Amino acid sequence: MDMNNLIHMANKIGIFFESQPDHDEALKGIAAHIHSFWAPRMRIQLLEYIDQNEVTSLTPIVLSAINRHRNDLQPHP
């Protein structure tokens, strides 16, 4: 999938959850949404992109959610 599209979708998820008053719950919500609704290959692609690049295109809340809940986003065999 196109990385720009993945980033756009992740940022839209972040915008939705950013309005939650509890920041930790917002981070959990972002990660849970990505885990539940993104195919494993999409999550892998996003995680690899973050690992290999200086990421400035993801909003801070999305990047924070992904980094904090990284283990939950990785597909398990």
C-alpha atoms as a PDB file:
ATOM      1  CA  MET A   1       0.000   0.000   0.000  1.00  0.00           C
ATOM      2  CA  ASP A   2       1.141   3.547  -0.661  1.00  0.00           C
ATOM      3  CA  MET A   3       2.950   4.927   2.401  1.00  0.00           C
ATOM      4  CA  ASN A   4       1.434   8.374   1.957  1.00  0.00           C
ATOM      5  CA  ASN A   5      -2.013   6.807   2.146  1.00  0.00           C
ATOM      6  CA  LEU A   6      -1.127   4.885   5.318  1.00  0.00           C
ATOM      7  CA  ILE A   7       0.212   8.048   6.925  1.00  0.00           C
ATOM      8  CA  HIS A   8      -2.896   9.973   5.906  1.00  0.00           C
ATOM      9  CA  MET A   9      -5.169   7.291   7.382  1.00  0.00           C
ATOM     10  CA  ALA A  10      -3.137   7.109  10.610  1.00  0.00           C
ATOM     11  CA  ASN A  11      -3.253  10.884  11.003  1.00  0.00           C
ATOM     12  CA  LYS A  12      -7.032  10.910  10.503  1.00  0.00           C
ATOM     13  CA  ILE A  13      -7.354   8.308  13.260  1.00  0.00           C
ATOM     14  CA  GLY A  14      -5.167  10.509  15.450  1.00  0.00           C
ATOM     15  CA  ILE A  15      -7.347  13.560  14.820  1.00  0.00           C
ATOM     16  CA  PHE A  16     -10.393  11.623  15.971  1.00  0.00           C
ATOM     17  CA  PHE A  17      -8.800  10.365  19.197  1.00  0.00           C
ATOM     18  CA  GLU A  18      -6.910  13.586  19.954  1.00  0.00           C
ATOM     19  CA  SER A  19     -10.101  15.170  21.271  1.00  0.00           C
ATOM     20  CA  GLN A  20     -10.320  12.671  24.133  1.00  0.00           C
ATOM     21  CA  PRO A  21      -9.548  14.302  27.472  1.00  0.00           C
ATOM     22  CA  ASP A  22      -7.454  11.352  28.707  1.00  0.00           C
ATOM     23  CA  HIS A  23      -4.233  11.340  26.686  1.00  0.00           C
ATOM     24  CA  ASP A  24      -3.295   7.766  27.630  1.00  0.00           C
ATOM     25  CA  GLU A  25      -6.727   6.524  26.580  1.00  0.00           C
ATOM     26  CA  ALA A  26      -6.348   8.387  23.289  1.00  0.00           C
ATOM     27  CA  LEU A  27      -3.029   6.647  22.633  1.00  0.00           C
ATOM     28  CA  LYS A  28      -4.579   3.269  23.436  1.00  0.00           C
ATOM     29  CA  GLY A  29      -7.513   4.070  21.166  1.00  0.00           C
ATOM     30  CA  ILE A  30      -5.288   4.944  18.227  1.00  0.00           C
ATOM     31  CA  ALA A  31      -3.262   1.763  18.594  1.00  0.00           C
ATOM     32  CA  ALA A  32      -6.369  -0.368  19.102  1.00  0.00           C
ATOM     33  CA  HIS A  33      -8.018   1.081  16.005  1.00  0.00           C
ATOM     34  CA  ILE A  34      -4.957   0.442  13.848  1.00  0.00           C
ATOM     35  CA  HIS A  35      -4.637  -3.077  15.232  1.00  0.00           C
ATOM     36  CA  SER A  36      -8.310  -3.891  14.721  1.00  0.00           C
ATOM     37  CA  PHE A  37      -8.901  -2.386  11.308  1.00  0.00           C
ATOM     38  CA  TRP A  38      -5.578  -2.514   9.481  1.00  0.00           C
ATOM     39  CA  ALA A  39      -4.295  -5.656   7.828  1.00  0.00           C
ATOM     40  CA  PRO A  40      -1.079  -7.053   9.328  1.00  0.00           C
ATOM     41  CA  ARG A  41       0.875  -6.117   6.191  1.00  0.00           C
ATOM     42  CA  MET A  42      -0.243  -2.480   6.582  1.00  0.00           C
ATOM     43  CA  ARG A  43       0.900  -2.382  10.203  1.00  0.00           C
ATOM     44  CA  ILE A  44       4.238  -3.993   9.299  1.00  0.00           C
ATOM     45  CA  GLN A  45       4.763  -1.489   6.508  1.00  0.00           C
ATOM     46  CA  LEU A  46       4.084   1.456   8.829  1.00  0.00           C
ATOM     47  CA  LEU A  47       6.349   0.106  11.587  1.00  0.00           C
ATOM     48  CA  GLU A  48       9.175  -0.544   9.111  1.00  0.00           C
ATOM     49  CA  TYR A  49       8.772   2.959   7.709  1.00  0.00           C
ATOM     50  CA  ILE A  50       9.060   4.448  11.195  1.00  0.00           C
ATOM     51  CA  ASP A  51      12.160   2.345  11.902  1.00  0.00           C
ATOM     52  CA  GLN A  52      13.906   3.328   8.668  1.00  0.00           C
ATOM     53  CA  ASN A  53      13.064   7.018   8.353  1.00  0.00           C
ATOM     54  CA  GLU A  54      13.039  10.260  10.252  1.00  0.00           C
ATOM     55  CA  VAL A  55       9.293  10.542  10.468  1.00  0.00           C
ATOM     56  CA  THR A  56       7.891  14.050  10.320  1.00  0.00           C
ATOM     57  CA  SER A  57       4.668  13.340   8.468  1.00  0.00           C
ATOM     58  CA  LEU A  58       2.877  11.528  11.300  1.00  0.00           C
ATOM     59  CA  THR A  59       1.213  13.710  13.898  1.00  0.00           C
ATOM     60  CA  PRO A  60       2.900  13.607  17.302  1.00  0.00           C
ATOM     61  CA  ILE A  61      -0.037  11.805  18.943  1.00  0.00           C
ATOM     62  CA  VAL A  62      -0.002   9.049  16.303  1.00  0.00           C
ATOM     63  CA  LEU A  63       3.748   8.576  16.537  1.00  0.00           C
ATOM     64  CA  SER A  64       3.505   8.486  20.325  1.00  0.00           C
ATOM     65  CA  ALA A  65       0.683   5.915  20.194  1.00  0.00           C
ATOM     66  CA  ILE A  66       2.619   3.701  17.801  1.00  0.00           C
ATOM     67  CA  ASN A  67       5.807   3.894  19.841  1.00  0.00           C
ATOM     68  CA  ARG A  68       4.052   3.265  23.157  1.00  0.00           C
ATOM     69  CA  HIS A  69       1.913   0.375  21.896  1.00  0.00           C
ATOM     70  CA  ARG A  70       4.305  -1.034  19.307  1.00  0.00           C
ATOM     71  CA  ASN A  71       4.140  -4.593  20.645  1.00  0.00           C
ATOM     72  CA  ASP A  72       0.358  -4.576  20.264  1.00  0.00           C
ATOM     73  CA  LEU A  73       0.651  -3.519  16.627  1.00  0.00           C
ATOM     74  CA  GLN A  74       3.089  -6.195  15.536  1.00  0.00           C
ATOM     75  CA  PRO A  75       1.432  -9.237  13.996  1.00  0.00           C
ATOM     76  CA  HIS A  76       1.925 -12.375  15.996  1.00  0.00           C
ATOM     77  CA  PRO A  77       2.315 -15.769  14.314  1.00  0.00           C
END
